[in-house]
Structure formats: structure tokens, C-alpha cells
């Protein structure tokens, strides 16, 4: 059995964008069965957590939604997600290009554990530069 890729998505106030993000993940050409999606709600004050719960219900075998009541910044959210990750490598992104993961992809295949790629997904707090 091939190992899954853990897709880590730290979320802060992303209610408007999370559907687009998760749609881009579940529609990867590698197939949903090859992905383990871990979303960490990082103290969102909008409806992001409710949306994550809806997605988790739609993809119960491949998605985990974790709720943090207080915002701890993207690093803490990623670290929490990594503690749940069991895939061959982990990739955190706000939206994936179609075909970002595919069998034989040199970026994924042959990675040494743990391999982590990430970018931030969320909105900035007032006063942050």
C-alpha cells in the first residue's frame, strides 16, 4: 500500500476561501484516497470552523478538522497539524494547482521523512505587517 501525503491547512478567518481551497485539494489527480487532509482552525472568528466541520463530514476517511479556540499564529497551527500527520510527506498550502501531486512526481516520490512544504492561509490581524 502506498503511503499518503499529509496536506496541512492552517486556517484563520477563511470562511470565504476555504471551500475553494479544499475543492482544489480533493480534486487532485493523485486521488483523494492518497491524501490525508488536516485543517487546523486557529481561533477564527468567522464561520471557518463550521465550514471545516462540513468538509470533515463529507470526507471522513481523508480529513481531520482540529479546533483551537485561541489564535496562536500559523506556526502553532502547522505544528498541531504535524502532530496528527502520518503521511509520507506533508504539504501545507492555501490552494493547490490541479495535478500538484501525482504518482511519480519527483517532488513527492523519494522524499525522506519528514518532508514539509508550506505557505500561509488566512487573513492578517489588524496591526500585523
Protein backbone atom coordinates (compact mmCIF):
# COMPACT_ATOMS: atom_id res chain seq x y z
CA UNK A 1 0.00 0.00 0.00
CA UNK A 2 1.30 3.44 -0.92
CA UNK A 3 1.71 5.99 1.83
CA UNK A 4 -0.50 9.06 1.85
CA UNK A 5 0.53 12.66 1.55
CA UNK A 6 -0.50 14.75 4.54
CA UNK A 7 -1.95 18.07 3.40
CA UNK A 8 -1.80 20.59 6.26
CA UNK A 9 -4.00 23.66 6.12
CA UNK A 10 -3.74 26.21 8.95
CA UNK A 11 -6.89 28.35 8.89
CA UNK A 12 -7.64 31.76 10.36
CA UNK A 13 -10.81 33.61 9.31
CA UNK A 14 -11.03 31.86 5.95
CA UNK A 15 -14.77 31.26 5.69
CA UNK A 16 -14.87 32.99 2.29
CA UNK A 17 -11.98 30.94 0.86
CA UNK A 18 -11.96 27.50 2.48
CA UNK A 19 -14.36 25.90 0.00
CA UNK A 20 -12.13 26.87 -2.93
CA UNK A 21 -9.08 25.67 -1.05
CA UNK A 22 -10.48 22.26 -0.08
CA UNK A 23 -12.03 21.74 -3.51
CA UNK A 24 -8.56 22.21 -5.02
CA UNK A 25 -7.18 19.60 -2.60
CA UNK A 26 -9.84 16.91 -3.01
CA UNK A 27 -9.73 17.24 -6.83
CA UNK A 28 -6.02 16.41 -7.11
CA UNK A 29 -5.19 13.94 -9.87
CA UNK A 30 -3.43 11.63 -7.40
CA UNK A 31 -6.86 10.87 -5.94
CA UNK A 32 -8.43 11.65 -2.59
CA UNK A 33 -7.58 8.19 -1.24
CA UNK A 34 -3.88 9.16 -1.41
CA UNK A 35 -4.38 12.29 0.70
CA UNK A 36 -4.72 12.90 4.42
CA UNK A 37 -6.11 16.43 4.89
CA UNK A 38 -5.56 18.09 8.26
CA UNK A 39 -7.14 21.51 8.81
CA UNK A 40 -6.45 23.46 11.99
CA UNK A 41 -8.85 26.26 12.82
CA UNK A 42 -6.61 28.80 14.55
CA UNK A 43 -9.12 30.79 16.58
CA UNK A 44 -11.19 32.03 13.66
CA UNK A 45 -13.95 34.49 14.49
CA UNK A 46 -15.89 33.95 11.27
CA UNK A 47 -17.66 30.77 10.14
CA UNK A 48 -14.48 28.92 9.14
CA UNK A 49 -14.84 26.23 11.83
CA UNK A 50 -18.38 25.38 10.75
CA UNK A 51 -17.23 25.04 7.13
CA UNK A 52 -14.36 22.77 8.18
CA UNK A 53 -16.82 20.56 10.07
CA UNK A 54 -18.99 20.27 6.95
CA UNK A 55 -15.99 19.20 4.88
CA UNK A 56 -14.90 16.70 7.51
CA UNK A 57 -18.36 15.10 7.32
CA UNK A 58 -18.07 14.90 3.51
CA UNK A 59 -14.61 13.29 3.63
CA UNK A 60 -14.49 11.40 6.95
CA UNK A 61 -11.83 8.92 5.81
CA UNK A 62 -9.47 11.58 4.49
CA UNK A 63 -9.98 14.73 6.52
CA UNK A 64 -9.47 15.82 10.10
CA UNK A 65 -10.57 19.22 11.40
CA UNK A 66 -8.95 20.44 14.63
CA UNK A 67 -10.27 23.47 16.53
CA UNK A 68 -8.09 25.84 18.55
CA UNK A 69 -10.21 28.33 20.46
CA UNK A 70 -7.45 30.97 20.63
CA UNK A 71 -5.31 32.24 17.77
CA UNK A 72 -1.74 31.05 18.18
CA UNK A 73 -0.38 32.08 14.78
CA UNK A 74 0.30 29.91 11.76
CA UNK A 75 3.35 28.18 13.23
CA UNK A 76 1.38 26.70 16.12
CA UNK A 77 -1.42 25.61 13.78
CA UNK A 78 1.09 23.85 11.50
CA UNK A 79 2.78 22.17 14.45
CA UNK A 80 -0.55 20.91 15.76
CA UNK A 81 -1.38 19.52 12.33
CA UNK A 82 2.03 17.88 12.06
CA UNK A 83 1.38 16.06 15.33
CA UNK A 84 -1.57 14.34 13.59
CA UNK A 85 0.14 13.78 10.23
CA UNK A 86 1.02 10.24 9.25
CA UNK A 87 1.74 10.66 5.55
CA UNK A 88 4.96 10.17 3.62
CA UNK A 89 5.38 13.92 3.44
CA UNK A 90 3.35 16.92 4.49
CA UNK A 91 2.32 19.85 2.33
CA UNK A 92 0.58 22.94 3.68
CA UNK A 93 -0.93 25.33 1.19
CA UNK A 94 -3.95 27.53 0.77
CA UNK A 95 -4.81 26.29 -2.70
CA UNK A 96 -3.21 23.61 -4.86
CA UNK A 97 -2.81 23.68 -8.59
CA UNK A 98 -4.58 20.85 -10.37
CA UNK A 99 -2.18 17.94 -10.53
CA UNK A 100 0.15 19.30 -7.81
CA UNK A 101 0.55 15.72 -6.58
CA UNK A 102 0.80 12.78 -8.90
CA UNK A 103 2.44 9.36 -8.83
CA UNK A 104 6.00 9.63 -10.00
CA UNK A 105 6.31 13.32 -9.16
CA UNK A 106 9.96 13.86 -8.23
CA UNK A 107 8.96 16.44 -5.63
CA UNK A 108 6.96 13.84 -3.69
CA UNK A 109 8.45 10.50 -4.64
CA UNK A 110 11.58 9.54 -2.74
CA UNK A 111 11.23 12.20 -0.04
CA UNK A 112 12.90 11.47 3.25
CA UNK A 113 10.57 11.70 6.25
CA UNK A 114 9.65 14.22 7.43
CA UNK A 115 9.43 16.50 4.42
CA UNK A 116 7.32 19.59 4.94
CA UNK A 117 6.28 22.25 2.46
CA UNK A 118 4.03 25.09 3.49
CA UNK A 119 2.60 28.51 2.86
CA UNK A 120 0.19 30.60 4.92
CA UNK A 121 -3.59 30.53 4.50
CA UNK A 122 -5.54 33.13 6.42
CA UNK A 123 -6.22 36.78 6.85
CA UNK A 124 -3.97 39.16 8.70
CA UNK A 125 -4.95 40.60 12.07
CA UNK A 126 -5.19 44.36 12.44
CA UNK A 127 -1.80 45.85 13.14
CA UNK A 128 0.18 42.99 11.59
CA UNK A 129 2.51 43.88 8.73
